[in-house]
PDB file of N, CA and C in Angstrom:
ATOM      1  N   UNK A   1      90.740  54.854 -38.639  1.00  0.00           N
ATOM      2  CA  UNK A   1      90.363  53.424 -38.909  1.00  0.00           C
ATOM      3  C   UNK A   1      91.324  52.447 -38.232  1.00  0.00           C
ATOM      4  N   UNK A   2      92.576  52.866 -38.721  1.00  0.00           N
ATOM      5  CA  UNK A   2      93.847  51.627 -38.155  1.00  0.00           C
ATOM      6  C   UNK A   2      93.914  51.824 -36.928  1.00  0.00           C
ATOM      7  N   UNK A   3      93.821  53.475 -36.044  1.00  0.00           N
ATOM      8  CA  UNK A   3      94.185  53.310 -34.573  1.00  0.00           C
ATOM      9  C   UNK A   3      92.950  52.594 -33.831  1.00  0.00           C
ATOM     10  N   UNK A   4      91.686  52.762 -34.453  1.00  0.00           N
ATOM     11  CA  UNK A   4      90.617  51.992 -33.860  1.00  0.00           C
ATOM     12  C   UNK A   4      90.931  50.415 -33.691  1.00  0.00           C
ATOM     13  N   UNK A   5      91.332  49.979 -35.160  1.00  0.00           N
ATOM     14  CA  UNK A   5      91.501  48.712 -34.973  1.00  0.00           C
ATOM     15  C   UNK A   5      92.658  48.086 -33.784  1.00  0.00           C
ATOM     16  N   UNK A   6      93.420  48.834 -34.056  1.00  0.00           N
ATOM     17  CA  UNK A   6      94.913  49.007 -32.849  1.00  0.00           C
ATOM     18  C   UNK A   6      94.078  48.745 -31.273  1.00  0.00           C
ATOM     19  N   UNK A   7      93.432  49.806 -31.238  1.00  0.00           N
ATOM     20  CA  UNK A   7      92.694  50.119 -29.924  1.00  0.00           C
ATOM     21  C   UNK A   7      91.892  48.315 -29.408  1.00  0.00           C
ATOM     22  N   UNK A   8      91.096  48.370 -30.446  1.00  0.00           N
ATOM     23  CA  UNK A   8      90.309  47.214 -30.095  1.00  0.00           C
ATOM     24  C   UNK A   8      91.077  45.672 -29.948  1.00  0.00           C
ATOM     25  N   UNK A   9      92.023  45.736 -30.840  1.00  0.00           N
ATOM     26  CA  UNK A   9      92.920  44.353 -30.608  1.00  0.00           C
ATOM     27  C   UNK A   9      93.593  44.409 -28.965  1.00  0.00           C
ATOM     28  N   UNK A  10      93.916  45.759 -28.809  1.00  0.00           N
ATOM     29  CA  UNK A  10      94.734  45.574 -27.548  1.00  0.00           C
ATOM     30  C   UNK A  10      93.821  45.585 -26.432  1.00  0.00           C
ATOM     31  N   UNK A  11      92.741  45.842 -26.209  1.00  0.00           N
ATOM     32  CA  UNK A  11      91.809  45.509 -25.623  1.00  0.00           C
ATOM     33  C   UNK A  11      91.131  44.266 -25.413  1.00  0.00           C
ATOM     34  N   UNK A  12      91.096  43.689 -26.704  1.00  0.00           N
ATOM     35  CA  UNK A  12      90.793  42.197 -26.438  1.00  0.00           C
ATOM     36  C   UNK A  12      91.798  41.303 -26.107  1.00  0.00           C
ATOM     37  N   UNK A  13      93.106  41.598 -26.348  1.00  0.00           N
ATOM     38  CA  UNK A  13      94.232  40.845 -25.802  1.00  0.00           C
ATOM     39  C   UNK A  13      94.442  41.072 -24.343  1.00  0.00           C
ATOM     40  N   UNK A  14      94.183  42.233 -24.012  1.00  0.00           N
ATOM     41  CA  UNK A  14      94.369  42.665 -22.282  1.00  0.00           C
ATOM     42  C   UNK A  14      93.099  41.823 -21.457  1.00  0.00           C
ATOM     43  N   UNK A  15      92.116  41.622 -22.038  1.00  0.00           N
ATOM     44  CA  UNK A  15      90.930  41.214 -21.483  1.00  0.00           C
ATOM     45  C   UNK A  15      91.346  39.828 -21.248  1.00  0.00           C
ATOM     46  N   UNK A  16      91.881  38.905 -22.155  1.00  0.00           N
ATOM     47  CA  UNK A  16      92.145  37.802 -22.345  1.00  0.00           C
ATOM     48  C   UNK A  16      93.251  37.269 -21.441  1.00  0.00           C
ATOM     49  N   UNK A  17      94.282  38.047 -21.314  1.00  0.00           N
ATOM     50  CA  UNK A  17      95.180  38.354 -20.122  1.00  0.00           C
ATOM     51  C   UNK A  17      94.787  38.471 -18.650  1.00  0.00           C
ATOM     52  N   UNK A  18      93.810  39.133 -18.476  1.00  0.00           N
ATOM     53  CA  UNK A  18      93.063  39.750 -17.117  1.00  0.00           C
ATOM     54  C   UNK A  18      92.262  38.334 -16.729  1.00  0.00           C
ATOM     55  N   UNK A  19      91.717  37.559 -17.784  1.00  0.00           N
ATOM     56  CA  UNK A  19      90.715  36.634 -17.402  1.00  0.00           C
ATOM     57  C   UNK A  19      91.563  35.547 -16.902  1.00  0.00           C
ATOM     58  N   UNK A  20      92.966  35.167 -17.280  1.00  0.00           N
ATOM     59  CA  UNK A  20      93.676  34.188 -17.160  1.00  0.00           C
ATOM     60  C   UNK A  20      94.565  34.368 -15.830  1.00  0.00           C
ATOM     61  N   UNK A  21      94.633  35.895 -15.575  1.00  0.00           N
ATOM     62  CA  UNK A  21      95.413  36.003 -14.517  1.00  0.00           C
ATOM     63  C   UNK A  21      94.243  36.156 -13.042  1.00  0.00           C
ATOM     64  N   UNK A  22      92.978  36.254 -13.548  1.00  0.00           N
ATOM     65  CA  UNK A  22      92.160  36.532 -12.370  1.00  0.00           C
ATOM     66  C   UNK A  22      91.829  34.816 -11.969  1.00  0.00           C
ATOM     67  N   UNK A  23      91.779  33.981 -13.002  1.00  0.00           N
ATOM     68  CA  UNK A  23      91.569  32.603 -12.415  1.00  0.00           C
ATOM     69  C   UNK A  23      93.003  32.168 -11.811  1.00  0.00           C
ATOM     70  N   UNK A  24      94.048  32.632 -12.026  1.00  0.00           N
ATOM     71  CA  UNK A  24      95.352  32.241 -11.187  1.00  0.00           C
ATOM     72  C   UNK A  24      95.383  32.762  -9.837  1.00  0.00           C
ATOM     73  N   UNK A  25      94.792  34.289  -9.891  1.00  0.00           N
ATOM     74  CA  UNK A  25      94.728  34.649  -8.453  1.00  0.00           C
ATOM     75  C   UNK A  25      93.660  34.053  -7.812  1.00  0.00           C
ATOM     76  N   UNK A  26      92.588  33.566  -8.159  1.00  0.00           N
ATOM     77  CA  UNK A  26      91.459  33.104  -7.873  1.00  0.00           C
ATOM     78  C   UNK A  26      92.171  31.720  -7.276  1.00  0.00           C
ATOM     79  N   UNK A  27      92.505  31.054  -7.950  1.00  0.00           N
ATOM     80  CA  UNK A  27      93.197  29.292  -7.424  1.00  0.00           C
ATOM     81  C   UNK A  27      94.213  29.791  -6.223  1.00  0.00           C
ATOM     82  N   UNK A  28      94.958  30.685  -6.112  1.00  0.00           N
ATOM     83  CA  UNK A  28      95.889  30.891  -5.165  1.00  0.00           C
ATOM     84  C   UNK A  28      94.842  31.463  -3.772  1.00  0.00           C
ATOM     85  N   UNK A  29      93.983  32.468  -4.054  1.00  0.00           N
ATOM     86  CA  UNK A  29      93.108  32.693  -2.734  1.00  0.00           C
ATOM     87  C   UNK A  29      92.068  31.718  -2.091  1.00  0.00           C
ATOM     88  N   UNK A  30      92.021  30.425  -2.957  1.00  0.00           N
ATOM     89  CA  UNK A  30      91.162  29.730  -2.460  1.00  0.00           C
ATOM     90  C   UNK A  30      91.503  28.617  -1.605  1.00  0.00           C
ATOM     91  N   UNK A  31      92.890  28.954  -1.074  1.00  0.00           N
ATOM     92  CA  UNK A  31      93.151  28.057  -0.282  1.00  0.00           C
ATOM     93  C   UNK A  31      92.661  28.039   1.073  1.00  0.00           C
ATOM     94  N   UNK A  32      92.114  28.982   1.436  1.00  0.00           N
ATOM     95  CA  UNK A  32      91.380  29.381   2.624  1.00  0.00           C
ATOM     96  C   UNK A  32      89.709  28.747   2.374  1.00  0.00           C
ATOM     97  N   UNK A  33      89.506  28.973   1.300  1.00  0.00           N
ATOM     98  CA  UNK A  33      88.054  28.611   1.038  1.00  0.00           C
ATOM     99  C   UNK A  33      88.204  26.750   1.134  1.00  0.00           C
ATOM    100  N   UNK A  34      89.271  26.254   0.619  1.00  0.00           N
ATOM    101  CA  UNK A  34      89.192  24.856   0.668  1.00  0.00           C
ATOM    102  C   UNK A  34      89.070  24.189   1.723  1.00  0.00           C
ATOM    103  N   UNK A  35      89.312  24.523   2.913  1.00  0.00           N
ATOM    104  CA  UNK A  35      89.142  24.127   4.382  1.00  0.00           C
ATOM    105  C   UNK A  35      87.660  23.522   4.374  1.00  0.00           C
ATOM    106  N   UNK A  36      86.658  24.327   3.832  1.00  0.00           N
ATOM    107  CA  UNK A  36      85.346  23.987   3.799  1.00  0.00           C
ATOM    108  C   UNK A  36      84.712  23.471   2.678  1.00  0.00           C
ATOM    109  N   UNK A  37      85.354  24.203   1.686  1.00  0.00           N
ATOM    110  CA  UNK A  37      84.578  23.777   0.400  1.00  0.00           C
ATOM    111  C   UNK A  37      85.238  22.731  -0.384  1.00  0.00           C
ATOM    112  N   UNK A  38      86.315  22.177  -0.168  1.00  0.00           N
ATOM    113  CA  UNK A  38      87.082  21.411  -0.927  1.00  0.00           C
ATOM    114  C   UNK A  38      88.431  21.946  -1.527  1.00  0.00           C
ATOM    115  N   UNK A  39      89.375  21.099  -2.109  1.00  0.00           N
ATOM    116  CA  UNK A  39      90.316  21.618  -2.872  1.00  0.00           C
ATOM    117  C   UNK A  39      89.934  22.414  -4.134  1.00  0.00           C
ATOM    118  N   UNK A  40      89.237  22.043  -5.192  1.00  0.00           N
ATOM    119  CA  UNK A  40      88.441  22.236  -6.030  1.00  0.00           C
ATOM    120  C   UNK A  40      87.387  22.897  -6.284  1.00  0.00           C
ATOM    121  N   UNK A  41      86.584  23.128  -4.552  1.00  0.00           N
ATOM    122  CA  UNK A  41      84.944  23.402  -4.824  1.00  0.00           C
ATOM    123  C   UNK A  41      84.291  22.440  -4.819  1.00  0.00           C
ATOM    124  N   UNK A  42      84.636  21.116  -4.883  1.00  0.00           N
ATOM    125  CA  UNK A  42      84.054  19.937  -4.810  1.00  0.00           C
ATOM    126  C   UNK A  42      84.294  18.837  -3.801  1.00  0.00           C
ATOM    127  N   UNK A  43      83.461  19.550  -2.534  1.00  0.00           N
ATOM    128  CA  UNK A  43      83.719  19.280  -1.013  1.00  0.00           C
ATOM    129  C   UNK A  43      82.797  17.769  -0.731  1.00  0.00           C
ATOM    130  N   UNK A  44      83.230  16.913   0.000  1.00  0.00           N
ATOM    131  CA  UNK A  44      82.433  15.729   0.349  1.00  0.00           C
ATOM    132  C   UNK A  44      81.585  16.046   1.642  1.00  0.00           C
ATOM    133  N   UNK A  45      81.518  16.950   2.212  1.00  0.00           N
ATOM    134  CA  UNK A  45      80.644  17.217   3.216  1.00  0.00           C
ATOM    135  C   UNK A  45      79.199  17.923   2.982  1.00  0.00           C
ATOM    136  N   UNK A  46      78.234  17.593   3.009  1.00  0.00           N
ATOM    137  CA  UNK A  46      77.166  18.180   2.600  1.00  0.00           C
ATOM    138  C   UNK A  46      76.637  19.293   3.269  1.00  0.00           C
ATOM    139  N   UNK A  47      77.274  19.455   4.613  1.00  0.00           N
ATOM    140  CA  UNK A  47      77.171  20.676   5.323  1.00  0.00           C
ATOM    141  C   UNK A  47      77.971  21.947   4.555  1.00  0.00           C
ATOM    142  N   UNK A  48      78.369  21.909   3.527  1.00  0.00           N
ATOM    143  CA  UNK A  48      79.091  23.132   2.974  1.00  0.00           C
ATOM    144  C   UNK A  48      78.515  22.812   1.511  1.00  0.00           C
ATOM    145  N   UNK A  49      78.435  23.899   0.727  1.00  0.00           N
ATOM    146  CA  UNK A  49      77.915  23.986  -0.557  1.00  0.00           C
ATOM    147  C   UNK A  49      79.164  23.750  -1.238  1.00  0.00           C
ATOM    148  N   UNK A  50      78.905  23.020  -2.608  1.00  0.00           N
ATOM    149  CA  UNK A  50      79.739  22.749  -3.870  1.00  0.00           C
ATOM    150  C   UNK A  50      80.084  24.126  -4.536  1.00  0.00           C
ATOM    151  N   UNK A  51      81.191  24.605  -4.636  1.00  0.00           N
ATOM    152  CA  UNK A  51      81.412  25.984  -5.668  1.00  0.00           C
ATOM    153  C   UNK A  51      81.740  25.742  -6.820  1.00  0.00           C
ATOM    154  N   UNK A  52      82.200  24.297  -7.181  1.00  0.00           N
ATOM    155  CA  UNK A  52      82.609  24.028  -8.643  1.00  0.00           C
ATOM    156  C   UNK A  52      81.414  24.220  -9.301  1.00  0.00           C
ATOM    157  N   UNK A  53      81.934  24.640 -10.727  1.00  0.00           N
ATOM    158  CA  UNK A  53      80.869  24.851 -11.756  1.00  0.00           C
ATOM    159  C   UNK A  53      79.801  25.835 -11.489  1.00  0.00           C
ATOM    160  N   UNK A  54      79.821  26.427 -10.556  1.00  0.00           N
ATOM    161  CA  UNK A  54      78.521  27.228 -10.547  1.00  0.00           C
ATOM    162  C   UNK A  54      78.938  28.759 -11.404  1.00  0.00           C
ATOM    163  N   UNK A  55      77.805  28.880 -11.570  1.00  0.00           N
ATOM    164  CA  UNK A  55      77.987  30.382 -12.478  1.00  0.00           C
ATOM    165  C   UNK A  55      78.738  31.502 -11.681  1.00  0.00           C
ATOM    166  N   UNK A  56      79.698  32.207 -12.453  1.00  0.00           N
ATOM    167  CA  UNK A  56      80.414  33.319 -12.074  1.00  0.00           C
ATOM    168  C   UNK A  56      79.806  34.182 -11.486  1.00  0.00           C
ATOM    169  N   UNK A  57      78.922  34.640 -11.899  1.00  0.00           N
ATOM    170  CA  UNK A  57      78.071  35.681 -11.508  1.00  0.00           C
ATOM    171  C   UNK A  57      77.180  35.513 -10.279  1.00  0.00           C
ATOM    172  N   UNK A  58      76.605  34.350 -10.185  1.00  0.00           N
ATOM    173  CA  UNK A  58      75.967  33.565  -9.097  1.00  0.00           C
ATOM    174  C   UNK A  58      77.215  33.691  -7.642  1.00  0.00           C
ATOM    175  N   UNK A  59      78.105  33.306  -8.026  1.00  0.00           N
ATOM    176  CA  UNK A  59      79.201  33.375  -6.950  1.00  0.00           C
ATOM    177  C   UNK A  59      79.852  34.914  -6.489  1.00  0.00           C
ATOM    178  N   UNK A  60      79.538  35.701  -7.424  1.00  0.00           N
ATOM    179  CA  UNK A  60      80.036  37.237  -7.078  1.00  0.00           C
ATOM    180  C   UNK A  60      79.001  37.691  -6.141  1.00  0.00           C
ATOM    181  N   UNK A  61      77.518  37.393  -6.597  1.00  0.00           N
ATOM    182  CA  UNK A  61      76.477  38.008  -5.957  1.00  0.00           C
ATOM    183  C   UNK A  61      76.614  37.366  -4.783  1.00  0.00           C
ATOM    184  N   UNK A  62      76.528  36.097  -4.562  1.00  0.00           N
ATOM    185  CA  UNK A  62      76.769  35.451  -3.225  1.00  0.00           C
ATOM    186  C   UNK A  62      77.648  36.144  -2.337  1.00  0.00           C
ATOM    187  N   UNK A  63      79.002  36.207  -2.755  1.00  0.00           N
ATOM    188  CA  UNK A  63      80.051  36.770  -2.039  1.00  0.00           C
ATOM    189  C   UNK A  63      80.028  38.117  -1.455  1.00  0.00           C
ATOM    190  N   UNK A  64      79.268  38.981  -2.544  1.00  0.00           N
ATOM    191  CA  UNK A  64      79.117  40.432  -2.351  1.00  0.00           C
ATOM    192  C   UNK A  64      77.592  40.546  -1.395  1.00  0.00           C
ATOM    193  N   UNK A  65      77.033  39.820  -1.106  1.00  0.00           N
ATOM    194  CA  UNK A  65      75.746  39.626  -0.298  1.00  0.00           C
ATOM    195  C   UNK A  65      76.154  39.239   1.141  1.00  0.00           C
ATOM    196  N   UNK A  66      76.842  38.355   1.109  1.00  0.00           N
ATOM    197  CA  UNK A  66      77.675  37.947   2.635  1.00  0.00           C
ATOM    198  C   UNK A  66      78.363  39.260   3.167  1.00  0.00           C
ATOM    199  N   UNK A  67      79.232  39.873   2.003  1.00  0.00           N
ATOM    200  CA  UNK A  67      80.143  41.012   2.377  1.00  0.00           C
ATOM    201  C   UNK A  67      79.297  42.400   3.031  1.00  0.00           C
ATOM    202  N   UNK A  68      77.920  42.583   2.466  1.00  0.00           N
ATOM    203  CA  UNK A  68      77.184  43.353   2.721  1.00  0.00           C
ATOM    204  C   UNK A  68      76.318  43.020   4.106  1.00  0.00           C
ATOM    205  N   UNK A  69      76.301  41.703   4.249  1.00  0.00           N
ATOM    206  CA  UNK A  69      75.575  41.619   5.371  1.00  0.00           C
ATOM    207  C   UNK A  69      73.910  41.110   4.692  1.00  0.00           C
ATOM    208  N   UNK A  70      73.547  41.389   3.609  1.00  0.00           N
ATOM    209  CA  UNK A  70      72.364  40.938   3.005  1.00  0.00           C
ATOM    210  C   UNK A  70      71.876  39.718   3.319  1.00  0.00           C
ATOM    211  N   UNK A  71      73.037  38.713   2.879  1.00  0.00           N
ATOM    212  CA  UNK A  71      72.914  37.434   3.304  1.00  0.00           C
ATOM    213  C   UNK A  71      73.813  36.994   4.680  1.00  0.00           C
ATOM    214  N   UNK A  72      73.029  36.158   5.462  1.00  0.00           N
ATOM    215  CA  UNK A  72      73.502  35.746   6.543  1.00  0.00           C
ATOM    216  C   UNK A  72      73.977  34.526   6.857  1.00  0.00           C
ATOM    217  N   UNK A  73      75.317  34.659   7.144  1.00  0.00           N
ATOM    218  CA  UNK A  73      76.423  33.487   7.686  1.00  0.00           C
ATOM    219  C   UNK A  73      77.314  33.865   8.363  1.00  0.00           C
ATOM    220  N   UNK A  74      77.492  33.542   9.580  1.00  0.00           N
ATOM    221  CA  UNK A  74      78.657  34.042  10.815  1.00  0.00           C
ATOM    222  C   UNK A  74      79.840  33.814  10.037  1.00  0.00           C
ATOM    223  N   UNK A  75      80.271  32.591   9.471  1.00  0.00           N
ATOM    224  CA  UNK A  75      81.664  32.274   8.765  1.00  0.00           C
ATOM    225  C   UNK A  75      81.933  32.853   7.671  1.00  0.00           C
ATOM    226  N   UNK A  76      80.609  33.047   6.773  1.00  0.00           N
ATOM    227  CA  UNK A  76      80.959  33.243   5.407  1.00  0.00           C
ATOM    228  C   UNK A  76      81.067  34.803   5.313  1.00  0.00           C
ATOM    229  N   UNK A  77      80.316  35.749   6.352  1.00  0.00           N
ATOM    230  CA  UNK A  77      80.446  37.111   6.314  1.00  0.00           C
ATOM    231  C   UNK A  77      81.823  37.357   6.812  1.00  0.00           C
ATOM    232  N   UNK A  78      82.070  36.569   7.997  1.00  0.00           N
ATOM    233  CA  UNK A  78      83.726  36.957   8.395  1.00  0.00           C
ATOM    234  C   UNK A  78      84.780  36.688   7.313  1.00  0.00           C
ATOM    235  N   UNK A  79      84.520  35.965   6.515  1.00  0.00           N
ATOM    236  CA  UNK A  79      85.559  35.543   5.208  1.00  0.00           C
ATOM    237  C   UNK A  79      85.181  36.712   4.392  1.00  0.00           C
ATOM    238  N   UNK A  80      84.157  37.059   3.996  1.00  0.00           N
ATOM    239  CA  UNK A  80      83.920  38.051   2.843  1.00  0.00           C
ATOM    240  C   UNK A  80      84.000  39.251   3.263  1.00  0.00           C
ATOM    241  N   UNK A  81      84.074  39.905   4.461  1.00  0.00           N
ATOM    242  CA  UNK A  81      84.355  41.091   4.913  1.00  0.00           C
ATOM    243  C   UNK A  81      85.810  41.519   4.319  1.00  0.00           C
ATOM    244  N   UNK A  82      86.586  40.575   4.483  1.00  0.00           N
ATOM    245  CA  UNK A  82      88.103  40.822   4.234  1.00  0.00           C
ATOM    246  C   UNK A  82      88.247  40.572   2.607  1.00  0.00           C
ATOM    247  N   UNK A  83      87.377  40.715   1.853  1.00  0.00           N
ATOM    248  CA  UNK A  83      87.734  40.356   0.263  1.00  0.00           C
ATOM    249  C   UNK A  83      87.488  41.843  -0.368  1.00  0.00           C
ATOM    250  N   UNK A  84      88.421  41.920  -1.058  1.00  0.00           N
ATOM    251  CA  UNK A  84      88.396  43.023  -2.188  1.00  0.00           C
ATOM    252  C   UNK A  84      87.504  42.852  -3.440  1.00  0.00           C
ATOM    253  N   UNK A  85      87.058  43.582  -4.047  1.00  0.00           N
ATOM    254  CA  UNK A  85      85.816  43.571  -5.324  1.00  0.00           C
ATOM    255  C   UNK A  85      86.613  42.203  -6.442  1.00  0.00           C
ATOM    256  N   UNK A  86      87.945  42.729  -6.560  1.00  0.00           N
ATOM    257  CA  UNK A  86      89.022  42.087  -7.310  1.00  0.00           C
ATOM    258  C   UNK A  86      89.333  40.534  -6.450  1.00  0.00           C
ATOM    259  N   UNK A  87      89.218  40.223  -5.349  1.00  0.00           N
ATOM    260  CA  UNK A  87      89.446  39.255  -4.654  1.00  0.00           C
ATOM    261  C   UNK A  87      87.937  38.042  -5.119  1.00  0.00           C
ATOM    262  N   UNK A  88      86.985  39.033  -5.093  1.00  0.00           N
ATOM    263  CA  UNK A  88      85.563  38.287  -5.103  1.00  0.00           C
ATOM    264  C   UNK A  88      85.445  37.829  -7.003  1.00  0.00           C
ATOM    265  N   UNK A  89      86.020  38.777  -7.649  1.00  0.00           N
ATOM    266  CA  UNK A  89      85.721  38.310  -9.052  1.00  0.00           C
ATOM    267  C   UNK A  89      87.094  37.011  -9.291  1.00  0.00           C
ATOM    268  N   UNK A  90      88.197  37.234  -8.746  1.00  0.00           N
ATOM    269  CA  UNK A  90      88.996  36.277  -8.774  1.00  0.00           C
ATOM    270  C   UNK A  90      88.538  34.657  -8.346  1.00  0.00           C
ATOM    271  N   UNK A  91      88.093  34.680  -7.351  1.00  0.00           N
ATOM    272  CA  UNK A  91      87.594  33.774  -6.715  1.00  0.00           C
ATOM    273  C   UNK A  91      86.424  32.860  -7.398  1.00  0.00           C
ATOM    274  N   UNK A  92      85.475  33.726  -7.757  1.00  0.00           N
ATOM    275  CA  UNK A  92      84.416  33.429  -8.850  1.00  0.00           C
ATOM    276  C   UNK A  92      84.615  33.019  -9.929  1.00  0.00           C
ATOM    277  N   UNK A  93      85.718  33.567 -10.675  1.00  0.00           N
ATOM    278  CA  UNK A  93      86.342  32.961 -11.644  1.00  0.00           C
ATOM    279  C   UNK A  93      86.913  31.730 -11.739  1.00  0.00           C
ATOM    280  N   UNK A  94      87.641  31.268 -10.705  1.00  0.00           N
ATOM    281  CA  UNK A  94      88.340  30.066 -10.533  1.00  0.00           C
ATOM    282  C   UNK A  94      87.242  29.235 -10.206  1.00  0.00           C
ATOM    283  N   UNK A  95      86.750  29.403  -9.385  1.00  0.00           N
ATOM    284  CA  UNK A  95      85.431  28.270  -9.125  1.00  0.00           C
ATOM    285  C   UNK A  95      84.566  27.924 -10.107  1.00  0.00           C
ATOM    286  N   UNK A  96      83.914  28.831 -10.888  1.00  0.00           N
ATOM    287  CA  UNK A  96      83.101  28.867 -12.090  1.00  0.00           C
ATOM    288  C   UNK A  96      83.688  28.049 -13.238  1.00  0.00           C
ATOM    289  N   UNK A  97      85.168  28.123 -13.269  1.00  0.00           N
ATOM    290  CA  UNK A  97      85.869  26.925 -14.257  1.00  0.00           C
ATOM    291  C   UNK A  97      86.188  25.837 -13.805  1.00  0.00           C
ATOM    292  N   UNK A  98      86.002  25.207 -12.513  1.00  0.00           N
ATOM    293  CA  UNK A  98      86.112  24.225 -12.029  1.00  0.00           C
ATOM    294  C   UNK A  98      85.199  23.368 -12.599  1.00  0.00           C
ATOM    295  N   UNK A  99      85.427  21.771 -12.624  1.00  0.00           N
ATOM    296  CA  UNK A  99      84.586  20.920 -13.056  1.00  0.00           C
ATOM    297  C   UNK A  99      83.459  20.432 -11.718  1.00  0.00           C
ATOM    298  N   UNK A 100      82.448  20.673 -11.843  1.00  0.00           N
ATOM    299  CA  UNK A 100      81.216  20.282 -10.846  1.00  0.00           C
ATOM    300  C   UNK A 100      80.933  18.510 -10.911  1.00  0.00           C
ATOM    301  N   UNK A 101      80.716  18.147  -9.816  1.00  0.00           N
ATOM    302  CA  UNK A 101      80.221  16.755  -9.627  1.00  0.00           C
ATOM    303  C   UNK A 101      79.093  16.546 -10.044  1.00  0.00           C
ATOM    304  N   UNK A 102      78.383  15.440 -11.052  1.00  0.00           N
ATOM    305  CA  UNK A 102      77.135  15.280 -11.276  1.00  0.00           C
ATOM    306  C   UNK A 102      76.482  14.482 -10.456  1.00  0.00           C
ATOM    307  N   UNK A 103      75.958  14.898  -9.527  1.00  0.00           N
ATOM    308  CA  UNK A 103      75.370  13.910  -8.595  1.00  0.00           C
ATOM    309  C   UNK A 103      74.167  13.671  -8.197  1.00  0.00           C
ATOM    310  N   UNK A 104      73.558  12.392  -8.746  1.00  0.00           N
ATOM    311  CA  UNK A 104      72.073  12.579  -8.819  1.00  0.00           C
ATOM    312  C   UNK A 104      71.612  12.007  -7.260  1.00  0.00           C
ATOM    313  N   UNK A 105      70.922  12.921  -6.529  1.00  0.00           N
ATOM    314  CA  UNK A 105      70.410  12.291  -5.190  1.00  0.00           C
ATOM    315  C   UNK A 105      69.694  10.952  -4.934  1.00  0.00           C
ATOM    316  N   UNK A 106      69.958  10.108  -3.855  1.00  0.00           N
ATOM    317  CA  UNK A 106      69.230   8.858  -3.700  1.00  0.00           C
ATOM    318  C   UNK A 106      67.673   9.109  -3.200  1.00  0.00           C
ATOM    319  N   UNK A 107      66.627   8.626  -3.712  1.00  0.00           N
ATOM    320  CA  UNK A 107      65.328   8.596  -3.191  1.00  0.00           C
ATOM    321  C   UNK A 107      65.344   8.051  -1.526  1.00  0.00           C
TER     322      UNK A 107
END
């Protein structure tokens, strides 16, 4: 029983460490993305979607869809093609933890 508790604690602590390092790696990898999506994922250009505050799983799905060709966009497909699965998780973690802008569209 004691060994089981130690194993569970070790897994819990290692998952926390992975989550933090995933965020940090995502921040480093986001430099390329910032050209279109803004430094923190809150771009000013309506031509590009805001990534900040999006759900992590949505971002993972979107990037994987660009990578597989299921989702079509010449620019994003090119960028996504070079991403590893870990890169996708890292970027998604970073952008999902950014504060999104609450903008109400004008009528």
